[in-house]
Amino acid sequence: MNECDLRQLEITLPFPPRPHLSGARAQRHAQHWATRFGLLADERAHRRFESLGYGRFASYWCSGASFADLVLLAEWITLFFIFDDLQDAAVSEQRAGEYDSLRYRALDVIHRRPRSGAAESPVIAALENLCDRTYPRQIPSAARRFALNLEIWLMGHARENAFRASSTVPGPAEYPRLRRDACTVLPTVDLAEIAERAIIPDALYFGPAYQEIIATTADLMCWINDLHSLAVETETADPINLVTVLRSHRRLSLPEAVDAVRAMIADRVADNLAAVAAIRPEMDELQLSPQVRNAVLRCVRDCQSATAGMELWDRTDTVRFLGAAPARHLSSHC
């Protein structure tokens, strides 16, 4: 086995991907939105955006949503990936301070802090547009959760960058939380709640079962992605990869580390299924209405669909892990 084999490595999951039938159309709308905010630099960027397929990935998060809600989710996911690319470029070019400044400006937008009114960069203007369209759709408690999860995501980027800047491989105990925080699963679960017209009470959201469903969804998506992206991340000496962590700290060979990650994925699948089973008694105890219960279960199904869909998308429907540098094809003014 070598790193180049891993993008074709299928990880079997016990739940199916459920794509929205309008995923391809949402992809086109997301591209139009990115163009409107100046996030795509030229015709090459437009061609690459279609090959990246962020809107098609979004379709796995909400198979029954309205098209407008699917588009909103696709635009958020587009923005999340653009931030990831800007983060990668800043680290590789030793411009981490510039990315920190971008994070601080993004946090101002997320927390609705007044700003000077000076012209913003395209990516910050795009973030403001999405926040303006998203927060009014949420009840106050859900909006607070969403803002917190966006902040956790950006703080996760800062922590990842600290490891990268020091050329340090995080330890096996540190890595899962580091990776979970820096991914975008937490805020995307909140967006799926909007798409499902679900109002999940804090008592259930912060309860053990739903928190474990979110955590296992994040871990599964991150660790599966670590297998599929390993060839690119080995080429760039990126320490933020579970295979790299296990090879470095447990002195495993590549096949041994891959087998260990696959075993960890299987364990987290079991944890996810146990948490899904446990959510029903928690809803019983809270005496939730049938309408709320059904909406919660749709959100849970969406998490499983997105996990399986991302595994398929990673392997077959995006060029993201083919070794190119996506940030080079974005607007230089992000």
Protein backbone atom coordinates (compact mmCIF):
# COMPACT_ATOMS: atom_id res chain seq x y z
CA MET A 1 0.00 0.00 0.00
CA ASN A 2 1.14 3.53 -0.72
CA GLU A 3 -0.43 6.94 -0.11
CA CYS A 4 -1.68 7.22 -3.67
CA ASP A 5 -3.87 4.13 -3.20
CA LEU A 6 -5.79 5.68 -0.32
CA ARG A 7 -8.10 8.01 -2.23
CA GLN A 8 -9.68 4.93 -3.81
CA LEU A 9 -9.94 3.16 -0.44
CA GLU A 10 -13.64 2.65 0.21
CA ILE A 11 -14.79 2.72 3.83
CA THR A 12 -17.99 0.73 4.25
CA LEU A 13 -20.59 2.34 6.50
CA PRO A 14 -23.89 0.90 7.80
CA PHE A 15 -25.97 3.91 6.71
CA PRO A 16 -26.63 5.05 3.13
CA PRO A 17 -25.94 8.41 1.51
CA ARG A 18 -29.20 10.21 0.72
CA PRO A 19 -28.46 12.99 -1.79
CA HIS A 20 -30.92 15.77 -2.52
CA LEU A 21 -32.19 15.42 -6.07
CA SER A 22 -31.20 19.04 -6.83
CA GLY A 23 -27.56 18.76 -5.77
CA ALA A 24 -26.19 19.59 -9.23
CA ARG A 25 -28.42 22.66 -9.48
CA ALA A 26 -27.34 23.78 -6.00
CA GLN A 27 -23.74 23.48 -7.18
CA ARG A 28 -24.45 25.96 -9.98
CA HIS A 29 -26.18 28.38 -7.60
CA ALA A 30 -23.25 28.21 -5.17
CA GLN A 31 -20.88 29.01 -8.03
CA HIS A 32 -23.00 32.01 -9.00
CA TRP A 33 -22.97 33.20 -5.37
CA ALA A 34 -19.18 32.78 -5.11
CA THR A 35 -18.78 34.72 -8.36
CA ARG A 36 -21.00 37.53 -7.11
CA PHE A 37 -18.73 38.00 -4.08
CA GLY A 38 -15.51 37.85 -6.07
CA LEU A 39 -14.36 34.53 -4.61
CA LEU A 40 -13.43 33.02 -7.99
CA ALA A 41 -10.55 34.72 -9.74
CA ASP A 42 -10.87 33.66 -13.38
CA GLU A 43 -12.25 31.12 -15.82
CA ARG A 44 -9.83 28.49 -14.53
CA ALA A 45 -11.26 29.00 -11.04
CA HIS A 46 -14.78 28.52 -12.39
CA ARG A 47 -13.84 25.24 -14.07
CA ARG A 48 -12.13 24.02 -10.93
CA PHE A 49 -15.10 24.99 -8.77
CA GLU A 50 -17.33 22.67 -10.77
CA SER A 51 -14.79 19.86 -10.32
CA LEU A 52 -14.60 20.51 -6.58
CA GLY A 53 -18.33 19.90 -6.22
CA TYR A 54 -19.13 21.61 -2.93
CA GLY A 55 -22.81 21.92 -3.79
CA ARG A 56 -22.99 18.22 -4.59
CA PHE A 57 -21.45 17.44 -1.21
CA ALA A 58 -24.01 19.72 0.48
CA SER A 59 -26.82 17.67 -1.04
CA TYR A 60 -26.07 14.78 1.33
CA TRP A 61 -26.88 16.93 4.36
CA CYS A 62 -30.58 17.51 3.69
CA SER A 63 -32.23 15.27 1.13
CA GLY A 64 -35.74 16.57 1.91
CA ALA A 65 -35.00 20.29 2.24
CA SER A 66 -36.44 23.05 0.10
CA PHE A 67 -34.18 24.10 -2.74
CA ALA A 68 -33.61 27.51 -1.12
CA ASP A 69 -32.40 25.86 2.08
CA LEU A 70 -30.17 23.48 0.12
CA VAL A 71 -28.59 26.47 -1.64
CA LEU A 72 -27.98 28.26 1.67
CA LEU A 73 -26.23 25.14 2.97
CA ALA A 74 -24.20 24.80 -0.24
CA GLU A 75 -23.06 28.42 0.03
CA TRP A 76 -21.98 27.97 3.66
CA ILE A 77 -20.06 24.80 2.75
CA THR A 78 -18.40 26.66 -0.12
CA LEU A 79 -17.29 29.36 2.31
CA PHE A 80 -16.01 26.80 4.82
CA PHE A 81 -13.81 25.18 2.17
CA ILE A 82 -12.54 28.56 1.00
CA PHE A 83 -11.48 29.37 4.56
CA ASP A 84 -9.70 26.01 4.72
CA ASP A 85 -7.83 26.80 1.51
CA LEU A 86 -6.86 30.25 2.73
CA GLN A 87 -5.65 28.69 5.98
CA ASP A 88 -3.52 26.14 4.11
CA ALA A 89 -2.03 28.80 1.83
CA ALA A 90 -1.21 31.10 4.76
CA VAL A 91 0.61 28.33 6.61
CA SER A 92 2.54 27.06 3.58
CA GLU A 93 3.60 30.60 2.65
CA GLN A 94 4.42 31.57 6.25
CA ARG A 95 1.66 34.16 6.40
CA ALA A 96 -0.11 32.79 9.47
CA GLY A 97 -0.42 36.29 10.91
CA GLU A 98 -2.51 37.35 7.92
CA TYR A 99 -4.85 34.43 8.47
CA ASP A 100 -5.15 35.37 12.15
CA SER A 101 -6.26 38.86 11.08
CA LEU A 102 -8.85 37.27 8.79
CA ARG A 103 -10.11 35.11 11.67
CA TYR A 104 -10.50 38.13 13.94
CA ARG A 105 -12.51 39.99 11.30
CA ALA A 106 -14.64 36.87 10.76
CA LEU A 107 -15.35 36.65 14.50
CA ASP A 108 -16.54 40.26 14.47
CA VAL A 109 -19.04 39.33 11.77
CA ILE A 110 -20.14 36.17 13.56
CA HIS A 111 -20.77 38.02 16.81
CA ARG A 112 -22.33 41.01 15.01
CA ARG A 113 -19.85 43.49 16.42
CA PRO A 114 -20.02 46.97 14.85
CA ARG A 115 -17.25 47.64 12.36
CA SER A 116 -15.83 50.78 10.84
CA GLY A 117 -17.68 50.41 7.56
CA ALA A 118 -14.45 50.12 5.58
CA ALA A 119 -14.59 47.94 2.47
CA GLU A 120 -14.28 44.31 3.47
CA SER A 121 -12.44 41.55 1.65
CA PRO A 122 -14.67 39.33 -0.52
CA VAL A 123 -14.56 36.39 1.89
CA ILE A 124 -15.62 38.57 4.83
CA ALA A 125 -18.37 40.18 2.77
CA ALA A 126 -19.57 36.69 1.79
CA LEU A 127 -19.56 35.61 5.45
CA GLU A 128 -21.61 38.67 6.41
CA ASN A 129 -24.11 37.88 3.67
CA LEU A 130 -24.57 34.34 4.98
CA CYS A 131 -24.91 35.45 8.61
CA ASP A 132 -27.49 38.06 7.59
CA ARG A 133 -29.54 35.34 5.89
CA THR A 134 -29.06 32.66 8.57
CA TYR A 135 -29.45 34.22 12.02
CA PRO A 136 -33.02 35.46 11.37
CA ARG A 137 -34.02 31.85 10.62
CA GLN A 138 -32.99 30.68 14.10
CA ILE A 139 -34.55 31.05 17.51
CA PRO A 140 -32.21 32.90 19.92
CA SER A 141 -30.85 29.76 21.59
CA ALA A 142 -30.07 28.14 18.22
CA ALA A 143 -28.42 31.33 16.96
CA ARG A 144 -26.18 31.37 20.05
CA ARG A 145 -25.22 27.73 19.48
CA PHE A 146 -24.45 28.44 15.83
CA ALA A 147 -22.25 31.44 16.66
CA LEU A 148 -20.43 29.38 19.30
CA ASN A 149 -19.81 26.55 16.84
CA LEU A 150 -18.47 28.98 14.24
CA GLU A 151 -16.13 30.39 16.88
CA ILE A 152 -14.98 26.89 17.84
CA TRP A 153 -14.25 26.20 14.16
CA LEU A 154 -12.06 29.28 13.80
CA MET A 155 -10.30 28.61 17.11
CA GLY A 156 -9.67 25.08 15.86
CA HIS A 157 -7.92 26.58 12.84
CA ALA A 158 -5.71 28.63 15.16
CA ARG A 159 -4.75 25.52 17.13
CA GLU A 160 -4.05 23.53 13.96
CA ASN A 161 -1.88 26.37 12.68
CA ALA A 162 0.14 26.32 15.90
CA PHE A 163 1.00 22.66 15.36
CA ARG A 164 1.82 23.27 11.70
CA ALA A 165 3.99 26.30 12.41
CA SER A 166 6.03 24.33 14.95
CA SER A 167 6.22 21.23 12.67
CA THR A 168 4.78 19.24 15.57
CA VAL A 169 2.59 16.18 15.16
CA PRO A 170 -0.24 16.24 17.74
CA GLY A 171 -0.51 13.28 20.07
CA PRO A 172 -3.16 10.55 19.71
CA ALA A 173 -5.08 11.83 22.73
CA GLU A 174 -5.01 15.44 21.55
CA TYR A 175 -5.80 14.81 17.91
CA PRO A 176 -9.51 13.84 17.87
CA ARG A 177 -10.66 17.01 19.66
CA LEU A 178 -8.26 19.19 17.67
CA ARG A 179 -9.54 17.83 14.37
CA ARG A 180 -13.18 17.87 15.46
CA ASP A 181 -13.05 21.52 16.50
CA ALA A 182 -11.33 22.67 13.31
CA CYS A 183 -13.72 20.88 10.96
CA THR A 184 -17.10 22.41 10.13
CA VAL A 185 -19.39 19.59 11.21
CA LEU A 186 -20.63 21.42 14.32
CA PRO A 187 -22.00 24.49 12.50
CA THR A 188 -23.18 22.38 9.55
CA VAL A 189 -25.33 20.30 11.90
CA ASP A 190 -26.92 23.59 12.96
CA LEU A 191 -27.58 24.46 9.32
CA ALA A 192 -29.18 21.06 8.75
CA GLU A 193 -31.49 21.90 11.66
CA ILE A 194 -32.63 24.98 9.72
CA ALA A 195 -33.11 22.96 6.53
CA GLU A 196 -35.22 20.41 8.41
CA ARG A 197 -37.34 23.16 10.03
CA ALA A 198 -36.35 21.60 13.35
CA ILE A 199 -36.29 23.40 16.69
CA ILE A 200 -34.12 21.28 18.95
CA PRO A 201 -34.37 22.37 22.60
CA ASP A 202 -31.12 23.04 24.43
CA ALA A 203 -31.92 20.30 26.94
CA LEU A 204 -31.75 17.72 24.13
CA TYR A 205 -29.06 19.40 22.02
CA PHE A 206 -26.62 19.51 24.94
CA GLY A 207 -27.68 16.12 26.28
CA PRO A 208 -25.30 13.15 26.04
CA ALA A 209 -26.93 11.41 23.07
CA TYR A 210 -27.14 14.35 20.67
CA GLN A 211 -23.69 15.60 21.62
CA GLU A 212 -22.32 12.12 20.93
CA ILE A 213 -24.12 12.01 17.58
CA ILE A 214 -22.46 15.30 16.62
CA ALA A 215 -19.05 14.19 17.92
CA THR A 216 -19.15 10.82 16.17
CA THR A 217 -20.30 12.45 12.93
CA ALA A 218 -17.36 14.84 13.10
CA ASP A 219 -14.84 12.14 13.99
CA LEU A 220 -16.04 9.79 11.26
CA MET A 221 -15.99 12.47 8.58
CA CYS A 222 -12.57 13.73 9.67
CA TRP A 223 -10.91 10.33 9.96
CA ILE A 224 -12.35 9.07 6.68
CA ASN A 225 -11.13 12.27 5.07
CA ASP A 226 -7.69 11.72 6.62
CA LEU A 227 -7.43 8.45 4.70
CA HIS A 228 -8.57 9.95 1.41
CA SER A 229 -6.40 13.07 1.69
CA LEU A 230 -3.25 11.38 2.99
CA ALA A 231 -1.39 11.47 -0.33
CA VAL A 232 -1.75 15.26 -0.61
CA GLU A 233 -1.00 15.86 3.06
CA THR A 234 2.07 13.62 2.98
CA GLU A 235 3.35 15.60 -0.01
CA THR A 236 2.97 18.86 1.94
CA ALA A 237 4.23 17.36 5.25
CA ASP A 238 1.00 18.32 6.98
CA PRO A 239 0.97 16.91 10.54
CA ILE A 240 -2.83 17.19 10.86
CA ASN A 241 -3.76 13.67 9.77
CA LEU A 242 -4.64 10.71 11.96
CA VAL A 243 -2.51 8.29 9.93
CA THR A 244 0.49 10.60 10.40
CA VAL A 245 -0.27 10.88 14.12
CA LEU A 246 -0.29 7.10 14.58
CA ARG A 247 2.81 6.58 12.47
CA SER A 248 4.71 9.24 14.40
CA HIS A 249 3.69 8.44 17.98
CA ARG A 250 3.09 4.69 17.80
CA ARG A 251 5.86 3.95 15.29
CA LEU A 252 3.50 2.14 12.92
CA SER A 253 4.11 1.37 9.27
CA LEU A 254 1.75 2.90 6.72
CA PRO A 255 -0.39 -0.28 6.36
CA GLU A 256 -0.51 -0.67 10.15
CA ALA A 257 -1.55 2.94 10.66
CA VAL A 258 -4.24 2.71 7.98
CA ASP A 259 -5.60 -0.49 9.57
CA ALA A 260 -5.59 1.24 12.97
CA VAL A 261 -7.55 4.20 11.60
CA ARG A 262 -10.06 1.87 9.96
CA ALA A 263 -10.52 0.08 13.29
CA MET A 264 -11.04 3.43 15.03
CA ILE A 265 -13.64 4.35 12.39
CA ALA A 266 -15.48 1.07 13.06
CA ASP A 267 -15.49 1.82 16.79
CA ARG A 268 -16.91 5.31 16.21
CA VAL A 269 -19.61 3.87 13.93
CA ALA A 270 -20.65 1.66 16.85
CA ASP A 271 -20.62 4.70 19.15
CA ASN A 272 -22.81 6.59 16.68
CA LEU A 273 -25.36 3.81 16.45
CA ALA A 274 -25.50 3.56 20.25
CA ALA A 275 -26.05 7.31 20.55
CA VAL A 276 -28.82 7.20 17.94
CA ALA A 277 -30.54 4.47 19.97
CA ALA A 278 -30.14 6.52 23.15
CA ILE A 279 -31.73 9.67 21.71
CA ARG A 280 -35.25 8.21 21.89
CA PRO A 281 -35.29 7.65 25.68
CA GLU A 282 -33.92 11.17 26.15
CA MET A 283 -36.75 12.57 24.02
CA ASP A 284 -39.23 10.50 26.05
CA GLU A 285 -37.87 11.95 29.29
CA LEU A 286 -38.19 15.49 27.94
CA GLN A 287 -41.74 14.73 26.73
CA LEU A 288 -41.07 16.19 23.31
CA SER A 289 -43.96 16.44 20.87
CA PRO A 290 -44.17 14.02 17.92
CA GLN A 291 -43.41 16.93 15.58
CA VAL A 292 -40.18 17.79 17.41
CA ARG A 293 -39.19 14.12 17.72
CA ASN A 294 -39.62 13.52 14.01
CA ALA A 295 -37.58 16.63 13.17
CA VAL A 296 -34.78 15.49 15.51
CA LEU A 297 -34.72 12.07 13.89
CA ARG A 298 -34.49 13.70 10.44
CA CYS A 299 -31.46 15.65 11.65
CA VAL A 300 -29.90 12.45 12.96
CA ARG A 301 -30.51 10.76 9.62
CA ASP A 302 -28.93 13.76 7.88
CA CYS A 303 -25.76 13.34 9.95
CA GLN A 304 -25.48 9.71 8.89
CA SER A 305 -26.26 10.53 5.25
CA ALA A 306 -23.63 13.28 5.22
CA THR A 307 -21.03 10.91 6.66
CA ALA A 308 -21.68 8.29 4.00
CA GLY A 309 -22.02 10.96 1.32
CA MET A 310 -18.71 12.54 2.22
CA GLU A 311 -16.99 9.16 1.97
CA LEU A 312 -18.39 8.78 -1.54
CA TRP A 313 -17.73 12.40 -2.53
CA ASP A 314 -14.13 12.26 -1.29
CA ARG A 315 -13.45 9.18 -3.39
CA THR A 316 -15.39 9.82 -6.56
CA ASP A 317 -16.81 13.32 -6.96
CA THR A 318 -14.19 15.96 -6.16
CA VAL A 319 -10.70 16.89 -7.33
CA ARG A 320 -9.87 18.31 -3.91
CA PHE A 321 -7.41 15.54 -3.08
CA LEU A 322 -5.62 15.26 -6.40
CA GLY A 323 -2.64 17.33 -5.29
CA ALA A 324 -3.45 20.78 -6.71
CA ALA A 325 -3.43 23.87 -4.52
CA PRO A 326 -7.07 25.07 -4.53
CA ALA A 327 -6.32 28.43 -2.92
CA ARG A 328 -4.21 29.43 -5.91
CA HIS A 329 -7.33 29.49 -8.05
CA LEU A 330 -9.35 31.70 -5.71
CA SER A 331 -9.43 35.45 -5.81
CA SER A 332 -6.24 36.88 -4.41
CA HIS A 333 -8.33 39.45 -2.55
CA CYS A 334 -10.12 37.01 -0.24
